[in-house]
Amino acid sequence: MVFETVCRIIAERIECDPESITRESTFRDLGIDSLDTVDLMMNLDDELGLELELDEKLETVGDLVDFIESKQE
């Protein structure tokens, strides 16, 4: 569920098909910069009901999904 939510929010942000995003997709390849990342994290906070604070550099969508899942436990 987290992966699908992340993909949907990214796809809305960059206007692409969510199914084109994989766990291996890098934010750089997707054209997501640091400002986009902040906005993305705020959207994910609201969507998932979590308060996420990035305390590490995440390179891929999979890294972000793993980070979120670790905060849900």
PDB file of N, CA and C in Angstrom:
ATOM      1  N   MET A   1       0.807  -1.196   0.000  1.00  0.00           N
ATOM      2  CA  MET A   1       0.000   0.000   0.000  1.00  0.00           C
ATOM      3  C   MET A   1       0.857   1.270   0.000  1.00  0.00           C
ATOM      4  N   VAL A   2       1.947   1.266   0.763  1.00  0.00           N
ATOM      5  CA  VAL A   2       2.814   2.444   0.813  1.00  0.00           C
ATOM      6  C   VAL A   2       3.393   2.726  -0.567  1.00  0.00           C
ATOM      7  N   PHE A   3       3.856   1.678  -1.243  1.00  0.00           N
ATOM      8  CA  PHE A   3       4.447   1.848  -2.575  1.00  0.00           C
ATOM      9  C   PHE A   3       3.448   2.485  -3.533  1.00  0.00           C
ATOM     10  N   GLU A   4       2.223   1.982  -3.545  1.00  0.00           N
ATOM     11  CA  GLU A   4       1.205   2.502  -4.443  1.00  0.00           C
ATOM     12  C   GLU A   4       0.893   3.971  -4.135  1.00  0.00           C
ATOM     13  N   THR A   5       0.826   4.296  -2.856  1.00  0.00           N
ATOM     14  CA  THR A   5       0.547   5.673  -2.445  1.00  0.00           C
ATOM     15  C   THR A   5       1.676   6.599  -2.880  1.00  0.00           C
ATOM     16  N   VAL A   6       2.909   6.179  -2.647  1.00  0.00           N
ATOM     17  CA  VAL A   6       4.070   6.974  -3.040  1.00  0.00           C
ATOM     18  C   VAL A   6       4.060   7.188  -4.552  1.00  0.00           C
ATOM     19  N   CYS A   7       3.825   6.122  -5.307  1.00  0.00           N
ATOM     20  CA  CYS A   7       3.812   6.227  -6.774  1.00  0.00           C
ATOM     21  C   CYS A   7       2.720   7.180  -7.250  1.00  0.00           C
ATOM     22  N   ARG A   8       1.550   7.091  -6.652  1.00  0.00           N
ATOM     23  CA  ARG A   8       0.441   7.956  -7.061  1.00  0.00           C
ATOM     24  C   ARG A   8       0.773   9.427  -6.801  1.00  0.00           C
ATOM     25  N   ILE A   9       1.324   9.717  -5.631  1.00  0.00           N
ATOM     26  CA  ILE A   9       1.648  11.101  -5.285  1.00  0.00           C
ATOM     27  C   ILE A   9       2.769  11.633  -6.181  1.00  0.00           C
ATOM     28  N   ILE A  10       3.775  10.804  -6.443  1.00  0.00           N
ATOM     29  CA  ILE A  10       4.855  11.222  -7.347  1.00  0.00           C
ATOM     30  C   ILE A  10       4.293  11.462  -8.742  1.00  0.00           C
ATOM     31  N   ALA A  11       3.470  10.551  -9.210  1.00  0.00           N
ATOM     32  CA  ALA A  11       2.896  10.666 -10.558  1.00  0.00           C
ATOM     33  C   ALA A  11       2.070  11.944 -10.701  1.00  0.00           C
ATOM     34  N   GLU A  12       1.307  12.280  -9.657  1.00  0.00           N
ATOM     35  CA  GLU A  12       0.533  13.519  -9.689  1.00  0.00           C
ATOM     36  C   GLU A  12       1.467  14.724  -9.755  1.00  0.00           C
ATOM     37  N   ARG A  13       2.560  14.637  -9.036  1.00  0.00           N
ATOM     38  CA  ARG A  13       3.522  15.755  -8.964  1.00  0.00           C
ATOM     39  C   ARG A  13       4.223  15.983 -10.300  1.00  0.00           C
ATOM     40  N   ILE A  14       4.635  14.891 -10.943  1.00  0.00           N
ATOM     41  CA  ILE A  14       5.413  15.041 -12.177  1.00  0.00           C
ATOM     42  C   ILE A  14       4.592  14.740 -13.428  1.00  0.00           C
ATOM     43  N   GLU A  15       3.296  14.484 -13.225  1.00  0.00           N
ATOM     44  CA  GLU A  15       2.369  14.235 -14.326  1.00  0.00           C
ATOM     45  C   GLU A  15       2.834  13.093 -15.230  1.00  0.00           C
ATOM     46  N   CYS A  16       2.880  11.905 -14.644  1.00  0.00           N
ATOM     47  CA  CYS A  16       3.202  10.709 -15.412  1.00  0.00           C
ATOM     48  C   CYS A  16       2.303   9.567 -14.947  1.00  0.00           C
ATOM     49  N   ASP A  17       2.433   8.437 -15.588  1.00  0.00           N
ATOM     50  CA  ASP A  17       1.657   7.248 -15.239  1.00  0.00           C
ATOM     51  C   ASP A  17       2.292   6.598 -14.006  1.00  0.00           C
ATOM     52  N   PRO A  18       1.518   6.392 -12.931  1.00  0.00           N
ATOM     53  CA  PRO A  18       2.075   5.772 -11.722  1.00  0.00           C
ATOM     54  C   PRO A  18       2.715   4.415 -11.997  1.00  0.00           C
ATOM     55  N   GLU A  19       2.204   3.715 -12.993  1.00  0.00           N
ATOM     56  CA  GLU A  19       2.744   2.384 -13.281  1.00  0.00           C
ATOM     57  C   GLU A  19       4.128   2.435 -13.930  1.00  0.00           C
ATOM     58  N   SER A  20       4.550   3.626 -14.351  1.00  0.00           N
ATOM     59  CA  SER A  20       5.888   3.762 -14.936  1.00  0.00           C
ATOM     60  C   SER A  20       6.957   3.931 -13.856  1.00  0.00           C
ATOM     61  N   ILE A  21       6.527   4.076 -12.603  1.00  0.00           N
ATOM     62  CA  ILE A  21       7.453   4.271 -11.486  1.00  0.00           C
ATOM     63  C   ILE A  21       7.715   2.917 -10.816  1.00  0.00           C
ATOM     64  N   THR A  22       9.002   2.612 -10.629  1.00  0.00           N
ATOM     65  CA  THR A  22       9.385   1.361  -9.968  1.00  0.00           C
ATOM     66  C   THR A  22      10.132   1.673  -8.676  1.00  0.00           C
ATOM     67  N   ARG A  23      10.374   0.645  -7.888  1.00  0.00           N
ATOM     68  CA  ARG A  23      11.163   0.820  -6.664  1.00  0.00           C
ATOM     69  C   ARG A  23      12.572   1.305  -6.994  1.00  0.00           C
ATOM     70  N   GLU A  24      13.037   0.967  -8.188  1.00  0.00           N
ATOM     71  CA  GLU A  24      14.397   1.326  -8.581  1.00  0.00           C
ATOM     72  C   GLU A  24      14.487   2.715  -9.202  1.00  0.00           C
ATOM     73  N   SER A  25      13.347   3.347  -9.473  1.00  0.00           N
ATOM     74  CA  SER A  25      13.349   4.691 -10.060  1.00  0.00           C
ATOM     75  C   SER A  25      14.041   5.653  -9.096  1.00  0.00           C
ATOM     76  N   THR A  26      14.991   6.418  -9.618  1.00  0.00           N
ATOM     77  CA  THR A  26      15.641   7.420  -8.765  1.00  0.00           C
ATOM     78  C   THR A  26      14.880   8.730  -8.873  1.00  0.00           C
ATOM     79  N   PHE A  27      14.945   9.508  -7.810  1.00  0.00           N
ATOM     80  CA  PHE A  27      14.268  10.806  -7.821  1.00  0.00           C
ATOM     81  C   PHE A  27      14.889  11.697  -8.893  1.00  0.00           C
ATOM     82  N   ARG A  28      16.174  11.559  -9.080  1.00  0.00           N
ATOM     83  CA  ARG A  28      16.862  12.347 -10.114  1.00  0.00           C
ATOM     84  C   ARG A  28      16.311  12.007 -11.505  1.00  0.00           C
ATOM     85  N   ASP A  29      16.177  10.708 -11.789  1.00  0.00           N
ATOM     86  CA  ASP A  29      15.638  10.288 -13.091  1.00  0.00           C
ATOM     87  C   ASP A  29      14.201  10.774 -13.288  1.00  0.00           C
ATOM     88  N   LEU A  30      13.454  10.868 -12.189  1.00  0.00           N
ATOM     89  CA  LEU A  30      12.063  11.314 -12.257  1.00  0.00           C
ATOM     90  C   LEU A  30      11.951  12.836 -12.333  1.00  0.00           C
ATOM     91  N   GLY A  31      13.096  13.522 -12.189  1.00  0.00           N
ATOM     92  CA  GLY A  31      13.088  14.987 -12.251  1.00  0.00           C
ATOM     93  C   GLY A  31      12.613  15.630 -10.968  1.00  0.00           C
ATOM     94  N   ILE A  32      12.776  14.924  -9.846  1.00  0.00           N
ATOM     95  CA  ILE A  32      12.339  15.440  -8.549  1.00  0.00           C
ATOM     96  C   ILE A  32      13.545  16.040  -7.836  1.00  0.00           C
ATOM     97  N   ASP A  33      13.447  17.343  -7.534  1.00  0.00           N
ATOM     98  CA  ASP A  33      14.541  18.010  -6.841  1.00  0.00           C
ATOM     99  C   ASP A  33      14.225  18.130  -5.350  1.00  0.00           C
ATOM    100  N   SER A  34      15.095  18.807  -4.622  1.00  0.00           N
ATOM    101  CA  SER A  34      14.922  18.884  -3.168  1.00  0.00           C
ATOM    102  C   SER A  34      13.645  19.619  -2.769  1.00  0.00           C
ATOM    103  N   LEU A  35      13.262  20.638  -3.533  1.00  0.00           N
ATOM    104  CA  LEU A  35      11.997  21.329  -3.230  1.00  0.00           C
ATOM    105  C   LEU A  35      10.802  20.410  -3.440  1.00  0.00           C
ATOM    106  N   ASP A  36      10.837  19.640  -4.531  1.00  0.00           N
ATOM    107  CA  ASP A  36       9.768  18.666  -4.793  1.00  0.00           C
ATOM    108  C   ASP A  36       9.704  17.636  -3.669  1.00  0.00           C
ATOM    109  N   THR A  37      10.868  17.255  -3.164  1.00  0.00           N
ATOM    110  CA  THR A  37      10.926  16.247  -2.105  1.00  0.00           C
ATOM    111  C   THR A  37      10.224  16.729  -0.849  1.00  0.00           C
ATOM    112  N   VAL A  38      10.430  17.991  -0.495  1.00  0.00           N
ATOM    113  CA  VAL A  38       9.762  18.566   0.688  1.00  0.00           C
ATOM    114  C   VAL A  38       8.250  18.521   0.508  1.00  0.00           C
ATOM    115  N   ASP A  39       7.790  18.936  -0.664  1.00  0.00           N
ATOM    116  CA  ASP A  39       6.361  18.923  -0.955  1.00  0.00           C
ATOM    117  C   ASP A  39       5.821  17.485  -0.940  1.00  0.00           C
ATOM    118  N   LEU A  40       6.581  16.591  -1.517  1.00  0.00           N
ATOM    119  CA  LEU A  40       6.206  15.171  -1.543  1.00  0.00           C
ATOM    120  C   LEU A  40       6.056  14.625  -0.130  1.00  0.00           C
ATOM    121  N   MET A  41       6.996  14.960   0.744  1.00  0.00           N
ATOM    122  CA  MET A  41       6.946  14.471   2.123  1.00  0.00           C
ATOM    123  C   MET A  41       5.731  15.033   2.859  1.00  0.00           C
ATOM    124  N   MET A  42       5.387  16.281   2.604  1.00  0.00           N
ATOM    125  CA  MET A  42       4.204  16.859   3.250  1.00  0.00           C
ATOM    126  C   MET A  42       2.939  16.149   2.772  1.00  0.00           C
ATOM    127  N   ASN A  43       2.868  15.854   1.480  1.00  0.00           N
ATOM    128  CA  ASN A  43       1.717  15.123   0.951  1.00  0.00           C
ATOM    129  C   ASN A  43       1.632  13.724   1.558  1.00  0.00           C
ATOM    130  N   LEU A  44       2.768  13.077   1.700  1.00  0.00           N
ATOM    131  CA  LEU A  44       2.783  11.731   2.286  1.00  0.00           C
ATOM    132  C   LEU A  44       2.398  11.777   3.761  1.00  0.00           C
ATOM    133  N   ASP A  45       2.855  12.809   4.482  1.00  0.00           N
ATOM    134  CA  ASP A  45       2.453  12.988   5.890  1.00  0.00           C
ATOM    135  C   ASP A  45       0.935  12.983   5.995  1.00  0.00           C
ATOM    136  N   ASP A  46       0.299  13.809   5.152  1.00  0.00           N
ATOM    137  CA  ASP A  46      -1.164  13.944   5.184  1.00  0.00           C
ATOM    138  C   ASP A  46      -1.838  12.638   4.782  1.00  0.00           C
ATOM    139  N   GLU A  47      -1.360  12.048   3.717  1.00  0.00           N
ATOM    140  CA  GLU A  47      -1.982  10.850   3.143  1.00  0.00           C
ATOM    141  C   GLU A  47      -1.888   9.642   4.080  1.00  0.00           C
ATOM    142  N   LEU A  48      -0.727   9.495   4.720  1.00  0.00           N
ATOM    143  CA  LEU A  48      -0.476   8.302   5.533  1.00  0.00           C
ATOM    144  C   LEU A  48      -0.687   8.551   7.025  1.00  0.00           C
ATOM    145  N   GLY A  49      -0.950   9.801   7.390  1.00  0.00           N
ATOM    146  CA  GLY A  49      -1.174  10.109   8.799  1.00  0.00           C
ATOM    147  C   GLY A  49       0.081   9.958   9.639  1.00  0.00           C
ATOM    148  N   LEU A  50       1.216  10.224   9.036  1.00  0.00           N
ATOM    149  CA  LEU A  50       2.492  10.114   9.747  1.00  0.00           C
ATOM    150  C   LEU A  50       3.167  11.468   9.770  1.00  0.00           C
ATOM    151  N   GLU A  51       4.102  11.613  10.674  1.00  0.00           N
ATOM    152  CA  GLU A  51       4.945  12.795  10.666  1.00  0.00           C
ATOM    153  C   GLU A  51       6.336  12.342  10.282  1.00  0.00           C
ATOM    154  N   LEU A  52       6.657  12.535   9.029  1.00  0.00           N
ATOM    155  CA  LEU A  52       7.928  12.042   8.497  1.00  0.00           C
ATOM    156  C   LEU A  52       8.956  13.159   8.463  1.00  0.00           C
ATOM    157  N   GLU A  53      10.117  12.869   9.009  1.00  0.00           N
ATOM    158  CA  GLU A  53      11.225  13.815   8.912  1.00  0.00           C
ATOM    159  C   GLU A  53      12.372  13.085   8.267  1.00  0.00           C
ATOM    160  N   LEU A  54      12.763  13.567   7.115  1.00  0.00           N
ATOM    161  CA  LEU A  54      13.873  12.928   6.415  1.00  0.00           C
ATOM    162  C   LEU A  54      15.158  13.199   7.171  1.00  0.00           C
ATOM    163  N   ASP A  55      15.775  12.132   7.656  1.00  0.00           N
ATOM    164  CA  ASP A  55      17.030  12.288   8.372  1.00  0.00           C
ATOM    165  C   ASP A  55      18.162  11.590   7.621  1.00  0.00           C
ATOM    166  N   GLU A  56      17.864  11.207   6.387  1.00  0.00           N
ATOM    167  CA  GLU A  56      18.872  10.572   5.554  1.00  0.00           C
ATOM    168  C   GLU A  56      18.568  10.876   4.099  1.00  0.00           C
ATOM    169  N   LYS A  57      19.578  10.749   3.271  1.00  0.00           N
ATOM    170  CA  LYS A  57      19.381  11.021   1.847  1.00  0.00           C
ATOM    171  C   LYS A  57      18.834   9.765   1.179  1.00  0.00           C
ATOM    172  N   LEU A  58      17.717   9.923   0.515  1.00  0.00           N
ATOM    173  CA  LEU A  58      17.096   8.796  -0.177  1.00  0.00           C
ATOM    174  C   LEU A  58      17.276   8.995  -1.672  1.00  0.00           C
ATOM    175  N   GLU A  59      17.704   7.936  -2.346  1.00  0.00           N
ATOM    176  CA  GLU A  59      17.998   8.028  -3.771  1.00  0.00           C
ATOM    177  C   GLU A  59      16.865   7.511  -4.656  1.00  0.00           C
ATOM    178  N   THR A  60      16.186   6.454  -4.191  1.00  0.00           N
ATOM    179  CA  THR A  60      15.188   5.797  -5.038  1.00  0.00           C
ATOM    180  C   THR A  60      13.816   5.780  -4.377  1.00  0.00           C
ATOM    181  N   VAL A  61      12.817   5.461  -5.183  1.00  0.00           N
ATOM    182  CA  VAL A  61      11.457   5.312  -4.663  1.00  0.00           C
ATOM    183  C   VAL A  61      11.434   4.193  -3.618  1.00  0.00           C
ATOM    184  N   GLY A  62      12.152   3.114  -3.882  1.00  0.00           N
ATOM    185  CA  GLY A  62      12.229   2.004  -2.925  1.00  0.00           C
ATOM    186  C   GLY A  62      12.815   2.434  -1.593  1.00  0.00           C
ATOM    187  N   ASP A  63      13.845   3.298  -1.630  1.00  0.00           N
ATOM    188  CA  ASP A  63      14.430   3.823  -0.390  1.00  0.00           C
ATOM    189  C   ASP A  63      13.371   4.576   0.415  1.00  0.00           C
ATOM    190  N   LEU A  64      12.570   5.378  -0.278  1.00  0.00           N
ATOM    191  CA  LEU A  64      11.521   6.148   0.388  1.00  0.00           C
ATOM    192  C   LEU A  64      10.462   5.233   0.984  1.00  0.00           C
ATOM    193  N   VAL A  65      10.051   4.226   0.227  1.00  0.00           N
ATOM    194  CA  VAL A  65       9.050   3.263   0.714  1.00  0.00           C
ATOM    195  C   VAL A  65       9.575   2.555   1.961  1.00  0.00           C
ATOM    196  N   ASP A  66      10.821   2.093   1.923  1.00  0.00           N
ATOM    197  CA  ASP A  66      11.420   1.412   3.072  1.00  0.00           C
ATOM    198  C   ASP A  66      11.486   2.349   4.282  1.00  0.00           C
ATOM    199  N   PHE A  67      11.845   3.610   4.028  1.00  0.00           N
ATOM    200  CA  PHE A  67      11.936   4.605   5.105  1.00  0.00           C
ATOM    201  C   PHE A  67      10.575   4.797   5.764  1.00  0.00           C
ATOM    202  N   ILE A  68       9.535   4.962   4.946  1.00  0.00           N
ATOM    203  CA  ILE A  68       8.177   5.151   5.474  1.00  0.00           C
ATOM    204  C   ILE A  68       7.733   3.918   6.254  1.00  0.00           C
ATOM    205  N   GLU A  69       7.954   2.739   5.702  1.00  0.00           N
ATOM    206  CA  GLU A  69       7.542   1.512   6.383  1.00  0.00           C
ATOM    207  C   GLU A  69       8.269   1.355   7.714  1.00  0.00           C
ATOM    208  N   SER A  70       9.526   1.784   7.809  1.00  0.00           N
ATOM    209  CA  SER A  70      10.250   1.676   9.067  1.00  0.00           C
ATOM    210  C   SER A  70       9.661   2.613  10.128  1.00  0.00           C
ATOM    211  N   LYS A  71       9.049   3.721   9.699  1.00  0.00           N
ATOM    212  CA  LYS A  71       8.447   4.678  10.621  1.00  0.00           C
ATOM    213  C   LYS A  71       7.052   4.255  11.061  1.00  0.00           C
ATOM    214  N   GLN A  72       6.449   3.312  10.332  1.00  0.00           N
ATOM    215  CA  GLN A  72       5.093   2.857  10.671  1.00  0.00           C
ATOM    216  C   GLN A  72       5.106   1.792  11.756  1.00  0.00           C
ATOM    217  N   GLU A  73       6.247   1.206  12.003  1.00  0.00           N
ATOM    218  CA  GLU A  73       6.306   0.086  12.960  1.00  0.00           C
ATOM    219  C   GLU A  73       6.274   0.553  14.388  1.00  0.00           C
TER     220      GLU A  73
END
